[in-house]
Amino acid sequence: MLNITDTKVRIVKKDDSKLKAIASIIVDDCFVIHDIKVIEGNDEVFIAMPSRKTPDGEFKDIAHPINTETRELIKSNVISAYHKALTEEE
């Protein structure tokens, strides 16, 4: 199982944007994933993994979990760190 050893969150301060933060996670103290986006949805915030725009305008993930269990672990870790960063900012 994936072991997230550190999470950094940078709050994005744009009132008119659904993008709320950018996060990085460190896995097992030896691998980092940057540019995980925290996005405001209709009911709650969610994460979007790092991606790039293809020539036809579609976005493709650069790195992403391949199973639900790992996706949920990353999601809960990043969103928890996001809420903590919001609290510390106040």
N, C-alpha and C. Protein backbone atom coordinates (compact mmCIF):
# COMPACT_ATOMS: atom_id res chain seq x y z
N MET A 1 0.84 -1.19 0.00
CA MET A 1 0.00 0.00 0.00
C MET A 1 0.88 1.25 0.00
N LEU A 2 0.39 2.25 -0.63
CA LEU A 2 1.05 3.54 -0.75
C LEU A 2 1.16 4.19 0.62
N ASN A 3 2.32 4.75 0.92
CA ASN A 3 2.52 5.44 2.19
C ASN A 3 2.89 6.90 1.88
N ILE A 4 1.94 7.80 2.11
CA ILE A 4 2.19 9.23 1.88
C ILE A 4 2.89 9.78 3.11
N THR A 5 4.14 10.22 2.92
CA THR A 5 4.94 10.66 4.06
C THR A 5 4.93 12.17 4.25
N ASP A 6 4.49 12.93 3.25
CA ASP A 6 4.38 14.38 3.42
C ASP A 6 3.41 14.93 2.37
N THR A 7 2.72 15.99 2.76
CA THR A 7 1.78 16.66 1.87
C THR A 7 1.94 18.16 2.04
N LYS A 8 2.12 18.86 0.94
CA LYS A 8 2.20 20.33 0.96
C LYS A 8 1.04 20.88 0.14
N VAL A 9 0.40 21.92 0.66
CA VAL A 9 -0.73 22.54 -0.04
C VAL A 9 -0.50 24.04 -0.13
N ARG A 10 -0.68 24.57 -1.32
CA ARG A 10 -0.60 26.02 -1.53
C ARG A 10 -1.99 26.50 -1.94
N ILE A 11 -2.58 27.35 -1.10
CA ILE A 11 -3.91 27.89 -1.36
C ILE A 11 -3.84 28.87 -2.54
N VAL A 12 -4.80 28.77 -3.45
CA VAL A 12 -4.89 29.69 -4.59
C VAL A 12 -5.94 30.74 -4.23
N LYS A 13 -5.54 32.00 -4.26
CA LYS A 13 -6.43 33.08 -3.83
C LYS A 13 -7.01 33.82 -5.02
N LYS A 14 -7.94 33.19 -5.71
CA LYS A 14 -8.66 33.84 -6.79
C LYS A 14 -10.14 33.59 -6.53
N ASP A 15 -10.86 34.66 -6.22
CA ASP A 15 -12.27 34.52 -5.84
C ASP A 15 -13.14 33.94 -6.95
N ASP A 16 -12.81 34.20 -8.19
CA ASP A 16 -13.65 33.76 -9.30
C ASP A 16 -13.23 32.41 -9.90
N SER A 17 -12.33 31.70 -9.22
CA SER A 17 -11.81 30.45 -9.75
C SER A 17 -12.30 29.24 -8.96
N LYS A 18 -12.56 28.14 -9.65
CA LYS A 18 -12.90 26.90 -8.98
C LYS A 18 -11.66 26.19 -8.45
N LEU A 19 -10.49 26.56 -8.94
CA LEU A 19 -9.22 26.03 -8.44
C LEU A 19 -8.96 26.64 -7.07
N LYS A 20 -8.89 25.82 -6.05
CA LYS A 20 -8.74 26.32 -4.68
C LYS A 20 -7.34 26.14 -4.12
N ALA A 21 -6.60 25.12 -4.61
CA ALA A 21 -5.26 24.88 -4.09
C ALA A 21 -4.49 23.97 -5.04
N ILE A 22 -3.18 23.97 -4.87
CA ILE A 22 -2.28 23.07 -5.58
C ILE A 22 -1.52 22.30 -4.51
N ALA A 23 -1.45 20.98 -4.67
CA ALA A 23 -0.80 20.14 -3.66
C ALA A 23 0.33 19.31 -4.27
N SER A 24 1.25 18.93 -3.40
CA SER A 24 2.30 17.97 -3.73
C SER A 24 2.31 16.92 -2.63
N ILE A 25 2.53 15.68 -3.01
CA ILE A 25 2.67 14.62 -2.01
C ILE A 25 4.00 13.92 -2.20
N ILE A 26 4.55 13.44 -1.09
CA ILE A 26 5.76 12.62 -1.13
C ILE A 26 5.35 11.22 -0.72
N VAL A 27 5.77 10.25 -1.51
CA VAL A 27 5.45 8.85 -1.28
C VAL A 27 6.69 8.13 -0.78
N ASP A 28 6.56 7.48 0.37
CA ASP A 28 7.65 6.68 0.95
C ASP A 28 8.97 7.43 1.06
N ASP A 29 8.90 8.73 1.30
CA ASP A 29 10.10 9.58 1.44
C ASP A 29 11.04 9.49 0.25
N CYS A 30 10.52 9.09 -0.94
CA CYS A 30 11.44 8.95 -2.07
C CYS A 30 10.84 9.31 -3.44
N PHE A 31 9.55 9.63 -3.50
CA PHE A 31 8.94 9.95 -4.79
C PHE A 31 7.92 11.06 -4.59
N VAL A 32 7.97 12.09 -5.43
CA VAL A 32 7.06 13.24 -5.27
C VAL A 32 6.13 13.36 -6.47
N ILE A 33 4.90 13.76 -6.20
CA ILE A 33 3.93 14.08 -7.24
C ILE A 33 3.49 15.51 -7.00
N HIS A 34 3.78 16.39 -7.97
CA HIS A 34 3.42 17.80 -7.89
C HIS A 34 2.14 18.07 -8.68
N ASP A 35 1.58 19.23 -8.46
CA ASP A 35 0.46 19.77 -9.26
C ASP A 35 -0.83 18.97 -9.16
N ILE A 36 -1.12 18.46 -7.97
CA ILE A 36 -2.44 17.87 -7.72
C ILE A 36 -3.36 19.05 -7.40
N LYS A 37 -4.41 19.20 -8.17
CA LYS A 37 -5.29 20.36 -8.02
C LYS A 37 -6.46 20.04 -7.09
N VAL A 38 -6.78 20.99 -6.21
CA VAL A 38 -7.99 20.92 -5.39
C VAL A 38 -9.00 21.85 -6.05
N ILE A 39 -10.12 21.27 -6.47
CA ILE A 39 -11.11 22.01 -7.25
C ILE A 39 -12.45 22.01 -6.54
N GLU A 40 -13.12 23.16 -6.57
CA GLU A 40 -14.44 23.29 -5.96
C GLU A 40 -15.48 22.72 -6.92
N GLY A 41 -16.19 21.67 -6.45
CA GLY A 41 -17.27 21.10 -7.24
C GLY A 41 -18.61 21.66 -6.80
N ASN A 42 -19.68 21.09 -7.28
CA ASN A 42 -21.02 21.56 -6.91
C ASN A 42 -21.32 21.33 -5.43
N ASP A 43 -20.92 20.17 -4.90
CA ASP A 43 -21.25 19.82 -3.52
C ASP A 43 -20.04 19.80 -2.58
N GLU A 44 -18.85 19.55 -3.12
CA GLU A 44 -17.66 19.42 -2.30
C GLU A 44 -16.42 19.65 -3.15
N VAL A 45 -15.27 19.73 -2.49
CA VAL A 45 -14.03 19.84 -3.24
C VAL A 45 -13.58 18.44 -3.66
N PHE A 46 -12.84 18.38 -4.76
CA PHE A 46 -12.29 17.12 -5.23
C PHE A 46 -10.90 17.39 -5.77
N ILE A 47 -10.16 16.32 -6.07
CA ILE A 47 -8.81 16.50 -6.60
C ILE A 47 -8.77 16.11 -8.07
N ALA A 48 -7.82 16.72 -8.77
CA ALA A 48 -7.50 16.35 -10.14
C ALA A 48 -6.00 16.11 -10.20
N MET A 49 -5.63 14.97 -10.72
CA MET A 49 -4.22 14.62 -10.79
C MET A 49 -3.52 15.48 -11.85
N PRO A 50 -2.18 15.55 -11.81
CA PRO A 50 -1.44 16.36 -12.78
C PRO A 50 -1.78 15.92 -14.21
N SER A 51 -1.96 16.90 -15.08
CA SER A 51 -2.33 16.56 -16.46
C SER A 51 -1.71 17.57 -17.41
N ARG A 52 -1.80 17.23 -18.69
CA ARG A 52 -1.36 18.17 -19.72
C ARG A 52 -2.37 18.16 -20.85
N LYS A 53 -2.40 19.25 -21.57
CA LYS A 53 -3.35 19.41 -22.67
C LYS A 53 -2.76 18.81 -23.95
N THR A 54 -3.52 17.97 -24.60
CA THR A 54 -3.08 17.37 -25.86
C THR A 54 -3.33 18.35 -27.00
N PRO A 55 -2.73 18.13 -28.16
CA PRO A 55 -2.94 19.04 -29.30
C PRO A 55 -4.42 19.19 -29.69
N ASP A 56 -5.25 18.18 -29.41
CA ASP A 56 -6.67 18.30 -29.77
C ASP A 56 -7.51 18.93 -28.65
N GLY A 57 -6.85 19.46 -27.60
CA GLY A 57 -7.55 20.18 -26.55
C GLY A 57 -8.02 19.34 -25.38
N GLU A 58 -7.77 18.05 -25.42
CA GLU A 58 -8.18 17.16 -24.33
C GLU A 58 -7.09 17.14 -23.26
N PHE A 59 -7.48 16.95 -22.00
CA PHE A 59 -6.51 16.85 -20.92
C PHE A 59 -6.29 15.39 -20.58
N LYS A 60 -5.02 14.98 -20.46
CA LYS A 60 -4.64 13.62 -20.11
C LYS A 60 -3.80 13.65 -18.83
N ASP A 61 -4.13 12.77 -17.89
CA ASP A 61 -3.34 12.67 -16.66
C ASP A 61 -1.92 12.25 -16.99
N ILE A 62 -0.97 12.88 -16.31
CA ILE A 62 0.44 12.51 -16.43
C ILE A 62 0.75 11.38 -15.46
N ALA A 63 0.21 11.50 -14.27
CA ALA A 63 0.38 10.48 -13.23
C ALA A 63 -0.96 10.32 -12.53
N HIS A 64 -1.32 9.08 -12.25
CA HIS A 64 -2.59 8.85 -11.56
C HIS A 64 -2.61 7.46 -10.95
N PRO A 65 -3.41 7.28 -9.88
CA PRO A 65 -3.54 5.96 -9.27
C PRO A 65 -4.30 5.03 -10.22
N ILE A 66 -4.00 3.74 -10.14
CA ILE A 66 -4.67 2.80 -11.04
C ILE A 66 -5.75 1.99 -10.34
N ASN A 67 -5.97 2.26 -9.05
CA ASN A 67 -7.08 1.58 -8.37
C ASN A 67 -7.79 2.54 -7.42
N THR A 68 -9.02 2.19 -7.09
CA THR A 68 -9.88 3.05 -6.27
C THR A 68 -9.30 3.27 -4.88
N GLU A 69 -8.74 2.24 -4.29
CA GLU A 69 -8.19 2.33 -2.94
C GLU A 69 -7.09 3.39 -2.86
N THR A 70 -6.20 3.39 -3.83
CA THR A 70 -5.11 4.37 -3.84
C THR A 70 -5.64 5.76 -4.13
N ARG A 71 -6.58 5.88 -5.06
CA ARG A 71 -7.17 7.19 -5.37
C ARG A 71 -7.83 7.77 -4.12
N GLU A 72 -8.57 6.98 -3.38
CA GLU A 72 -9.23 7.46 -2.15
C GLU A 72 -8.22 7.88 -1.10
N LEU A 73 -7.11 7.14 -0.98
CA LEU A 73 -6.07 7.49 -0.03
C LEU A 73 -5.47 8.85 -0.37
N ILE A 74 -5.13 9.07 -1.63
CA ILE A 74 -4.57 10.35 -2.06
C ILE A 74 -5.59 11.46 -1.87
N LYS A 75 -6.83 11.21 -2.29
CA LYS A 75 -7.89 12.21 -2.17
C LYS A 75 -8.09 12.63 -0.72
N SER A 76 -8.24 11.68 0.18
CA SER A 76 -8.50 12.03 1.59
C SER A 76 -7.30 12.75 2.20
N ASN A 77 -6.09 12.35 1.84
CA ASN A 77 -4.90 12.99 2.37
C ASN A 77 -4.80 14.44 1.91
N VAL A 78 -4.98 14.67 0.61
CA VAL A 78 -4.85 16.03 0.05
C VAL A 78 -5.97 16.93 0.54
N ILE A 79 -7.19 16.44 0.56
CA ILE A 79 -8.32 17.28 1.00
C ILE A 79 -8.20 17.59 2.49
N SER A 80 -7.75 16.66 3.29
CA SER A 80 -7.52 16.91 4.71
C SER A 80 -6.45 17.99 4.89
N ALA A 81 -5.36 17.90 4.14
CA ALA A 81 -4.30 18.91 4.21
C ALA A 81 -4.80 20.26 3.73
N TYR A 82 -5.68 20.28 2.74
CA TYR A 82 -6.28 21.52 2.24
C TYR A 82 -7.11 22.19 3.33
N HIS A 83 -7.97 21.42 4.00
CA HIS A 83 -8.80 21.99 5.07
C HIS A 83 -7.92 22.50 6.23
N LYS A 84 -6.86 21.78 6.53
CA LYS A 84 -5.92 22.22 7.58
C LYS A 84 -5.26 23.53 7.18
N ALA A 85 -4.85 23.65 5.92
CA ALA A 85 -4.20 24.88 5.44
C ALA A 85 -5.18 26.05 5.50
N LEU A 86 -6.45 25.80 5.18
CA LEU A 86 -7.45 26.87 5.27
C LEU A 86 -7.61 27.34 6.71
N THR A 87 -7.65 26.40 7.64
CA THR A 87 -7.79 26.73 9.06
C THR A 87 -6.59 27.53 9.56
N GLU A 88 -5.40 27.12 9.16
CA GLU A 88 -4.19 27.81 9.59
C GLU A 88 -4.09 29.21 8.99
N GLU A 89 -4.68 29.40 7.83
CA GLU A 89 -4.63 30.69 7.16
C GLU A 89 -5.50 31.74 7.86
N GLU A 90 -6.55 31.30 8.52
CA GLU A 90 -7.51 32.22 9.18
C GLU A 90 -6.96 32.86 10.41
